[in-house]
C-alpha atoms as a PDB file:
ATOM      1  CA  MET A   1       0.000   0.000   0.000  1.00  0.00           C
ATOM      2  CA  LYS A   2       2.827   2.418   0.872  1.00  0.00           C
ATOM      3  CA  ARG A   3       4.462   1.644  -2.459  1.00  0.00           C
ATOM      4  CA  ALA A   4       1.228   2.435  -4.361  1.00  0.00           C
ATOM      5  CA  ILE A   5       0.937   5.765  -2.546  1.00  0.00           C
ATOM      6  CA  LEU A   6       4.586   6.562  -3.359  1.00  0.00           C
ATOM      7  CA  ILE A   7       4.091   5.751  -7.058  1.00  0.00           C
ATOM      8  CA  LEU A   8       0.885   7.803  -7.200  1.00  0.00           C
ATOM      9  CA  THR A   9       2.650  10.734  -5.524  1.00  0.00           C
ATOM     10  CA  VAL A  10       5.548  10.593  -8.007  1.00  0.00           C
ATOM     11  CA  VAL A  11       3.172  10.460 -10.988  1.00  0.00           C
ATOM     12  CA  LEU A  12       1.119  13.378  -9.676  1.00  0.00           C
ATOM     13  CA  LEU A  13       4.190  15.471  -8.929  1.00  0.00           C
ATOM     14  CA  TYR A  14       6.120  14.763 -12.100  1.00  0.00           C
ATOM     15  CA  GLY A  15       3.521  13.650 -14.627  1.00  0.00           C
ATOM     16  CA  CYS A  16       4.004  11.001 -17.272  1.00  0.00           C
ATOM     17  CA  GLY A  17       6.479  13.007 -19.326  1.00  0.00           C
ATOM     18  CA  THR A  18       8.677  15.889 -18.445  1.00  0.00           C
ATOM     19  CA  SER A  19       8.579  19.466 -19.531  1.00  0.00           C
ATOM     20  CA  ALA A  20      12.007  20.336 -18.307  1.00  0.00           C
ATOM     21  CA  ARG A  21      15.308  21.724 -19.423  1.00  0.00           C
ATOM     22  CA  MET A  22      15.981  19.289 -22.229  1.00  0.00           C
ATOM     23  CA  TRP A  23      19.106  20.944 -23.588  1.00  0.00           C
ATOM     24  CA  THR A  24      22.774  20.103 -23.376  1.00  0.00           C
ATOM     25  CA  SER A  25      23.996  23.708 -23.189  1.00  0.00           C
ATOM     26  CA  ILE A  26      22.536  27.212 -23.120  1.00  0.00           C
ATOM     27  CA  ASP A  27      22.924  29.435 -26.176  1.00  0.00           C
ATOM     28  CA  THR A  28      23.686  33.132 -25.646  1.00  0.00           C
ATOM     29  CA  TRP A  29      20.376  33.998 -27.342  1.00  0.00           C
ATOM     30  CA  PHE A  30      18.464  32.216 -24.555  1.00  0.00           C
ATOM     31  CA  ARG A  31      16.678  34.660 -22.244  1.00  0.00           C
ATOM     32  CA  GLU A  32      13.758  33.714 -20.015  1.00  0.00           C
ATOM     33  CA  ALA A  33      10.760  36.037 -19.790  1.00  0.00           C
ATOM     34  CA  PRO A  34       9.669  37.315 -16.381  1.00  0.00           C
ATOM     35  CA  VAL A  35       7.175  35.017 -14.676  1.00  0.00           C
ATOM     36  CA  ILE A  36       4.918  37.733 -13.241  1.00  0.00           C
ATOM     37  CA  SER A  37       3.844  40.506 -15.533  1.00  0.00           C
ATOM     38  CA  GLU A  38       1.109  43.121 -15.621  1.00  0.00           C
ATOM     39  CA  PRO A  39      -0.612  43.471 -18.047  1.00  0.00           C
ATOM     40  CA  PRO A  40      -0.635  39.784 -19.025  1.00  0.00           C
ATOM     41  CA  TRP A  41       1.223  38.405 -22.029  1.00  0.00           C
ATOM     42  CA  LYS A  42      -0.963  37.983 -25.128  1.00  0.00           C
ATOM     43  CA  LYS A  43      -0.368  35.404 -27.836  1.00  0.00           C
ATOM     44  CA  VAL A  44       0.491  36.788 -31.276  1.00  0.00           C
ATOM     45  CA  PRO A  45      -1.772  35.099 -33.881  1.00  0.00           C
ATOM     46  CA  GLN A  46      -0.056  32.219 -35.704  1.00  0.00           C
ATOM     47  CA  ASP A  47      -0.786  33.825 -39.089  1.00  0.00           C
ATOM     48  CA  GLN A  48       1.603  36.645 -38.105  1.00  0.00           C
ATOM     49  CA  LEU A  49       4.506  34.310 -37.357  1.00  0.00           C
ATOM     50  CA  TYR A  50       6.853  32.490 -39.754  1.00  0.00           C
ATOM     51  CA  SER A  51       9.975  30.381 -39.237  1.00  0.00           C
ATOM     52  CA  VAL A  52      12.862  31.378 -41.456  1.00  0.00           C
ATOM     53  CA  LEU A  53      13.491  28.847 -44.242  1.00  0.00           C
ATOM     54  CA  PRO A  54      16.365  26.430 -43.568  1.00  0.00           C
ATOM     55  CA  ASP A  55      18.438  27.743 -46.495  1.00  0.00           C
ATOM     56  CA  LYS A  56      18.018  31.377 -45.291  1.00  0.00           C
ATOM     57  CA  ARG A  57      18.779  30.640 -41.631  1.00  0.00           C
ATOM     58  CA  GLU A  58      22.502  31.552 -41.631  1.00  0.00           C
ATOM     59  CA  GLU A  59      21.824  34.849 -43.416  1.00  0.00           C
ATOM     60  CA  ALA A  60      19.100  35.694 -40.894  1.00  0.00           C
ATOM     61  CA  ILE A  61      21.349  34.747 -37.954  1.00  0.00           C
ATOM     62  CA  ALA A  62      24.018  37.147 -39.271  1.00  0.00           C
ATOM     63  CA  LEU A  63      21.484  40.010 -39.287  1.00  0.00           C
ATOM     64  CA  LEU A  64      20.773  39.321 -35.611  1.00  0.00           C
ATOM     65  CA  ALA A  65      24.411  39.179 -34.496  1.00  0.00           C
ATOM     66  CA  SER A  66      24.286  42.384 -32.451  1.00  0.00           C
ATOM     67  CA  GLN A  67      20.577  42.894 -31.778  1.00  0.00           C
ATOM     68  CA  SER A  68      17.674  40.626 -30.954  1.00  0.00           C
ATOM     69  CA  ALA A  69      15.241  42.155 -33.471  1.00  0.00           C
ATOM     70  CA  VAL A  70      15.546  44.051 -36.748  1.00  0.00           C
ATOM     71  CA  VAL A  71      13.013  45.613 -39.096  1.00  0.00           C
ATOM     72  CA  VAL A  72      12.770  43.782 -42.423  1.00  0.00           C
ATOM     73  CA  PRO A  73      11.107  45.082 -45.582  1.00  0.00           C
ATOM     74  CA  LEU A  74       8.171  43.076 -46.956  1.00  0.00           C
ATOM     75  CA  GLN A  75      10.288  41.581 -49.783  1.00  0.00           C
ATOM     76  CA  ASP A  76      12.895  40.295 -47.302  1.00  0.00           C
ATOM     77  CA  ALA A  77      10.201  38.947 -44.967  1.00  0.00           C
ATOM     78  CA  GLU A  78       8.744  37.004 -47.905  1.00  0.00           C
ATOM     79  CA  ARG A  79      12.180  35.786 -48.994  1.00  0.00           C
ATOM     80  CA  PHE A  80      13.108  34.616 -45.480  1.00  0.00           C
ATOM     81  CA  SER A  81       9.729  32.927 -44.872  1.00  0.00           C
ATOM     82  CA  GLY A  82       9.068  31.631 -48.396  1.00  0.00           C
ATOM     83  CA  THR A  83       5.495  32.880 -48.025  1.00  0.00           C
ATOM     84  CA  PRO A  84       3.557  35.674 -49.767  1.00  0.00           C
ATOM     85  CA  LEU A  85       2.727  38.076 -46.927  1.00  0.00           C
ATOM     86  CA  ARG A  86      -0.125  40.561 -46.573  1.00  0.00           C
ATOM     87  CA  LEU A  87       0.728  42.800 -43.606  1.00  0.00           C
ATOM     88  CA  SER A  88       3.089  45.750 -43.706  1.00  0.00           C
ATOM     89  CA  LYS A  89       5.366  45.655 -40.627  1.00  0.00           C
ATOM     90  CA  TYR A  90       7.657  42.675 -40.222  1.00  0.00           C
ATOM     91  CA  TYR A  91      10.502  42.023 -37.828  1.00  0.00           C
ATOM     92  CA  LEU A  92      13.194  39.388 -37.859  1.00  0.00           C
ATOM     93  CA  VAL A  93      13.662  38.203 -34.270  1.00  0.00           C
ATOM     94  CA  ARG A  94      15.879  35.715 -32.494  1.00  0.00           C
ATOM     95  CA  GLY A  95      14.550  32.225 -31.918  1.00  0.00           C
ATOM     96  CA  LEU A  96      15.933  28.950 -30.582  1.00  0.00           C
ATOM     97  CA  CYS A  97      14.710  25.394 -30.967  1.00  0.00           C
ATOM     98  CA  LEU A  98      15.406  21.817 -29.922  1.00  0.00           C
ATOM     99  CA  ALA A  99      14.637  19.014 -32.383  1.00  0.00           C
ATOM    100  CA  CYS A 100      14.205  21.720 -35.022  1.00  0.00           C
ATOM    101  CA  GLY A 101      11.990  20.783 -37.919  1.00  0.00           C
ATOM    102  CA  ASN A 102      11.068  17.413 -36.421  1.00  0.00           C
ATOM    103  CA  THR A 103       8.383  18.343 -33.919  1.00  0.00           C
ATOM    104  CA  GLY A 104       6.816  21.413 -32.380  1.00  0.00           C
ATOM    105  CA  GLY A 105       6.808  25.004 -33.447  1.00  0.00           C
ATOM    106  CA  PHE A 106       7.167  28.619 -32.434  1.00  0.00           C
ATOM    107  CA  LEU A 107       4.802  30.771 -30.420  1.00  0.00           C
ATOM    108  CA  VAL A 108       5.225  34.484 -29.787  1.00  0.00           C
ATOM    109  CA  TYR A 109       3.727  36.337 -26.844  1.00  0.00           C
ATOM    110  CA  ARG A 110       3.558  40.107 -26.530  1.00  0.00           C
ATOM    111  CA  ASN A 111       3.483  42.401 -23.529  1.00  0.00           C
ATOM    112  CA  GLY A 112       3.747  46.047 -24.593  1.00  0.00           C
ATOM    113  CA  PRO A 113       7.172  46.576 -26.200  1.00  0.00           C
ATOM    114  CA  ARG A 114       8.339  43.107 -25.064  1.00  0.00           C
ATOM    115  CA  ILE A 115       7.957  39.781 -26.831  1.00  0.00           C
ATOM    116  CA  SER A 116       8.726  36.224 -25.843  1.00  0.00           C
ATOM    117  CA  VAL A 117       9.639  33.807 -28.641  1.00  0.00           C
ATOM    118  CA  VAL A 118       9.087  30.236 -27.458  1.00  0.00           C
ATOM    119  CA  HIS A 119       9.717  26.978 -29.301  1.00  0.00           C
ATOM    120  CA  HIS A 120       8.066  23.878 -27.885  1.00  0.00           C
ATOM    121  CA  SER A 121       8.946  20.414 -29.149  1.00  0.00           C
ATOM    122  CA  LEU A 122       9.212  16.750 -28.282  1.00  0.00           C
ATOM    123  CA  ALA A 123      12.621  15.271 -27.499  1.00  0.00           C
ATOM    124  CA  SER A 124      13.626  11.876 -26.176  1.00  0.00           C
ATOM    125  CA  ARG A 125      16.932  13.203 -24.836  1.00  0.00           C
ATOM    126  CA  ALA A 126      18.705  16.467 -24.128  1.00  0.00           C
ATOM    127  CA  LEU A 127      19.695  18.312 -27.313  1.00  0.00           C
ATOM    128  CA  PRO A 128      21.731  21.412 -28.129  1.00  0.00           C
ATOM    129  CA  MET A 129      19.865  24.674 -28.692  1.00  0.00           C
ATOM    130  CA  THR A 130      19.804  25.693 -32.356  1.00  0.00           C
ATOM    131  CA  ARG A 131      19.495  29.304 -33.482  1.00  0.00           C
ATOM    132  CA  TRP A 132      16.456  29.665 -35.726  1.00  0.00           C
ATOM    133  CA  PRO A 133      15.224  33.202 -36.431  1.00  0.00           C
ATOM    134  CA  VAL A 134      11.552  33.983 -36.852  1.00  0.00           C
ATOM    135  CA  ILE A 135       9.633  36.574 -38.885  1.00  0.00           C
ATOM    136  CA  VAL A 136       6.812  38.195 -36.939  1.00  0.00           C
ATOM    137  CA  SER A 137       4.320  40.912 -37.830  1.00  0.00           C
ATOM    138  CA  LEU A 138       3.777  43.421 -35.022  1.00  0.00           C
ATOM    139  CA  ASP A 139       2.434  46.971 -34.938  1.00  0.00           C
ATOM    140  CA  THR A 140       5.498  48.293 -33.083  1.00  0.00           C
ATOM    141  CA  PHE A 141       9.143  47.374 -32.733  1.00  0.00           C
ATOM    142  CA  PRO A 142       9.870  44.787 -30.007  1.00  0.00           C
ATOM    143  CA  PHE A 143      12.380  46.604 -27.796  1.00  0.00           C
ATOM    144  CA  GLU A 144      12.883  43.616 -25.522  1.00  0.00           C
ATOM    145  CA  VAL A 145      13.033  40.038 -26.835  1.00  0.00           C
ATOM    146  CA  TYR A 146      12.987  36.945 -24.642  1.00  0.00           C
ATOM    147  CA  VAL A 147      13.926  33.650 -26.304  1.00  0.00           C
ATOM    148  CA  GLU A 148      12.984  30.330 -24.727  1.00  0.00           C
ATOM    149  CA  VAL A 149      12.738  26.638 -25.566  1.00  0.00           C
ATOM    150  CA  THR A 150      10.766  23.860 -23.941  1.00  0.00           C
ATOM    151  CA  ALA A 151      10.543  20.160 -24.663  1.00  0.00           C
ATOM    152  CA  ASP A 152       8.466  17.254 -23.489  1.00  0.00           C
ATOM    153  CA  SER A 153       9.846  13.745 -23.558  1.00  0.00           C
END
């Protein structure tokens, strides 16, 4: 009976999988968003968010070498995303991922002039963080960019 209670306690505390730090090292782009924030963070609609194409990734990373966000003209936003776009203001922002391209995807949350770029994926083991910039349409420049990754096993 004690063993059953112990197992039940472990399952309730830790769940079936883990949503933990599933990386082997921390990239310098990684920056956690504050936990408590007023007003609350709001999710940016998915149709305003685009991962940079794999063959444009290194070029996009170079543009973000000294700053976490840059304004990109519509033509460059389309070239980086490989998608015809309809809005007018686009920004190239830092992003990180684990198991890039295999599972998961990016989400962006906004809180005033701050954004949080989060990639969530599935991983069976700890992986290195990979730099993967994102194109996002926002009405104003994101003066503060947080970049996070999460993974479930």
